[in-house]
């Protein structure tokens, strides 16, 4: 199974992730950043997931920021967090 297929499957599952999934999403972001693998659909899905939360932990925002920076990625759909 290649990384592209894994990312596309994860992209579909992010929307169904509950509050307990924050650690998993943080891990996914960290892995993408370390691998320097850009999956815009997955990154955007994770960003949307965080936006839907009432409260986002500081460590989640830091992980997101570092990953977006490592990948030099800015969503074409600018949003506020």
C-alpha atoms as a PDB file:
ATOM      1  CA  UNK A   1       0.000   0.000   0.000  1.00  0.00           C
ATOM      2  CA  UNK A   2       1.543   3.294  -1.012  1.00  0.00           C
ATOM      3  CA  UNK A   3       1.480   6.549   0.913  1.00  0.00           C
ATOM      4  CA  UNK A   4      -0.893   8.241  -1.519  1.00  0.00           C
ATOM      5  CA  UNK A   5      -3.541   5.555  -1.002  1.00  0.00           C
ATOM      6  CA  UNK A   6      -3.127   5.683   2.787  1.00  0.00           C
ATOM      7  CA  UNK A   7      -3.576   9.461   2.754  1.00  0.00           C
ATOM      8  CA  UNK A   8      -6.699   9.271   0.584  1.00  0.00           C
ATOM      9  CA  UNK A   9      -8.244   6.680   2.928  1.00  0.00           C
ATOM     10  CA  UNK A  10      -7.377   8.784   5.974  1.00  0.00           C
ATOM     11  CA  UNK A  11      -8.868  11.859   4.306  1.00  0.00           C
ATOM     12  CA  UNK A  12     -12.256  10.124   4.173  1.00  0.00           C
ATOM     13  CA  UNK A  13     -12.038   8.981   7.809  1.00  0.00           C
ATOM     14  CA  UNK A  14     -11.007  12.319   9.350  1.00  0.00           C
ATOM     15  CA  UNK A  15     -14.558  13.661   9.263  1.00  0.00           C
ATOM     16  CA  UNK A  16     -15.794  10.766  11.411  1.00  0.00           C
ATOM     17  CA  UNK A  17     -13.102  11.210  14.023  1.00  0.00           C
ATOM     18  CA  UNK A  18     -14.276  12.202  17.481  1.00  0.00           C
ATOM     19  CA  UNK A  19     -12.498  14.246  20.142  1.00  0.00           C
ATOM     20  CA  UNK A  20     -10.438  11.201  21.107  1.00  0.00           C
ATOM     21  CA  UNK A  21      -8.846  11.287  17.644  1.00  0.00           C
ATOM     22  CA  UNK A  22      -6.810  14.442  18.293  1.00  0.00           C
ATOM     23  CA  UNK A  23      -3.719  12.447  19.267  1.00  0.00           C
ATOM     24  CA  UNK A  24      -3.965  10.322  16.114  1.00  0.00           C
ATOM     25  CA  UNK A  25      -4.363  13.369  13.877  1.00  0.00           C
ATOM     26  CA  UNK A  26      -1.437  15.033  15.617  1.00  0.00           C
ATOM     27  CA  UNK A  27       0.636  11.931  14.910  1.00  0.00           C
ATOM     28  CA  UNK A  28      -0.432  11.915  11.253  1.00  0.00           C
ATOM     29  CA  UNK A  29       0.547  15.577  10.913  1.00  0.00           C
ATOM     30  CA  UNK A  30       3.908  14.935  12.549  1.00  0.00           C
ATOM     31  CA  UNK A  31       4.576  12.005  10.217  1.00  0.00           C
ATOM     32  CA  UNK A  32       3.633  13.984   7.102  1.00  0.00           C
ATOM     33  CA  UNK A  33       5.905  16.815   8.157  1.00  0.00           C
ATOM     34  CA  UNK A  34       8.845  14.545   8.934  1.00  0.00           C
ATOM     35  CA  UNK A  35       8.442  12.708   5.637  1.00  0.00           C
ATOM     36  CA  UNK A  36       7.945  16.025   3.858  1.00  0.00           C
ATOM     37  CA  UNK A  37       4.996  14.415   2.096  1.00  0.00           C
ATOM     38  CA  UNK A  38       2.318  16.839   0.963  1.00  0.00           C
ATOM     39  CA  UNK A  39      -1.217  15.504   0.758  1.00  0.00           C
ATOM     40  CA  UNK A  40      -3.354  18.636   0.315  1.00  0.00           C
ATOM     41  CA  UNK A  41      -6.649  16.791   0.682  1.00  0.00           C
ATOM     42  CA  UNK A  42      -5.632  15.185   3.966  1.00  0.00           C
ATOM     43  CA  UNK A  43      -4.101  18.383   5.349  1.00  0.00           C
ATOM     44  CA  UNK A  44      -7.246  20.354   4.465  1.00  0.00           C
ATOM     45  CA  UNK A  45      -9.459  17.664   6.040  1.00  0.00           C
ATOM     46  CA  UNK A  46      -7.440  17.810   9.261  1.00  0.00           C
ATOM     47  CA  UNK A  47      -7.591  21.620   9.281  1.00  0.00           C
ATOM     48  CA  UNK A  48     -11.377  21.444   8.839  1.00  0.00           C
ATOM     49  CA  UNK A  49     -11.583  18.937  11.692  1.00  0.00           C
ATOM     50  CA  UNK A  50      -9.700  21.304  13.993  1.00  0.00           C
ATOM     51  CA  UNK A  51     -11.886  24.226  12.916  1.00  0.00           C
ATOM     52  CA  UNK A  52     -15.006  22.324  13.906  1.00  0.00           C
ATOM     53  CA  UNK A  53     -13.708  21.937  17.472  1.00  0.00           C
ATOM     54  CA  UNK A  54     -14.685  24.392  20.187  1.00  0.00           C
ATOM     55  CA  UNK A  55     -11.301  24.099  21.849  1.00  0.00           C
ATOM     56  CA  UNK A  56      -8.001  23.128  20.248  1.00  0.00           C
ATOM     57  CA  UNK A  57      -5.047  22.291  22.434  1.00  0.00           C
ATOM     58  CA  UNK A  58      -1.929  24.382  22.068  1.00  0.00           C
ATOM     59  CA  UNK A  59       0.205  21.354  21.176  1.00  0.00           C
ATOM     60  CA  UNK A  60      -2.192  20.525  18.320  1.00  0.00           C
ATOM     61  CA  UNK A  61      -1.874  24.030  16.900  1.00  0.00           C
ATOM     62  CA  UNK A  62       1.913  23.908  17.218  1.00  0.00           C
ATOM     63  CA  UNK A  63       2.038  20.558  15.414  1.00  0.00           C
ATOM     64  CA  UNK A  64      -0.204  21.900  12.660  1.00  0.00           C
ATOM     65  CA  UNK A  65       1.875  25.045  12.273  1.00  0.00           C
ATOM     66  CA  UNK A  66       5.194  23.159  12.157  1.00  0.00           C
ATOM     67  CA  UNK A  67       3.846  20.669   9.622  1.00  0.00           C
ATOM     68  CA  UNK A  68       2.404  23.360   7.355  1.00  0.00           C
ATOM     69  CA  UNK A  69       5.706  25.189   7.580  1.00  0.00           C
ATOM     70  CA  UNK A  70       7.780  22.076   6.803  1.00  0.00           C
ATOM     71  CA  UNK A  71       5.608  21.365   3.785  1.00  0.00           C
ATOM     72  CA  UNK A  72       5.505  25.023   2.740  1.00  0.00           C
ATOM     73  CA  UNK A  73       1.752  24.635   2.359  1.00  0.00           C
ATOM     74  CA  UNK A  74      -0.959  27.241   2.462  1.00  0.00           C
ATOM     75  CA  UNK A  75      -4.488  26.079   1.850  1.00  0.00           C
ATOM     76  CA  UNK A  76      -6.167  27.604  -1.174  1.00  0.00           C
ATOM     77  CA  UNK A  77      -9.189  28.029   1.127  1.00  0.00           C
ATOM     78  CA  UNK A  78      -7.935  30.531   3.707  1.00  0.00           C
ATOM     79  CA  UNK A  79      -9.588  30.068   7.068  1.00  0.00           C
ATOM     80  CA  UNK A  80      -9.322  31.340  10.595  1.00  0.00           C
ATOM     81  CA  UNK A  81      -8.432  29.156  13.515  1.00  0.00           C
END
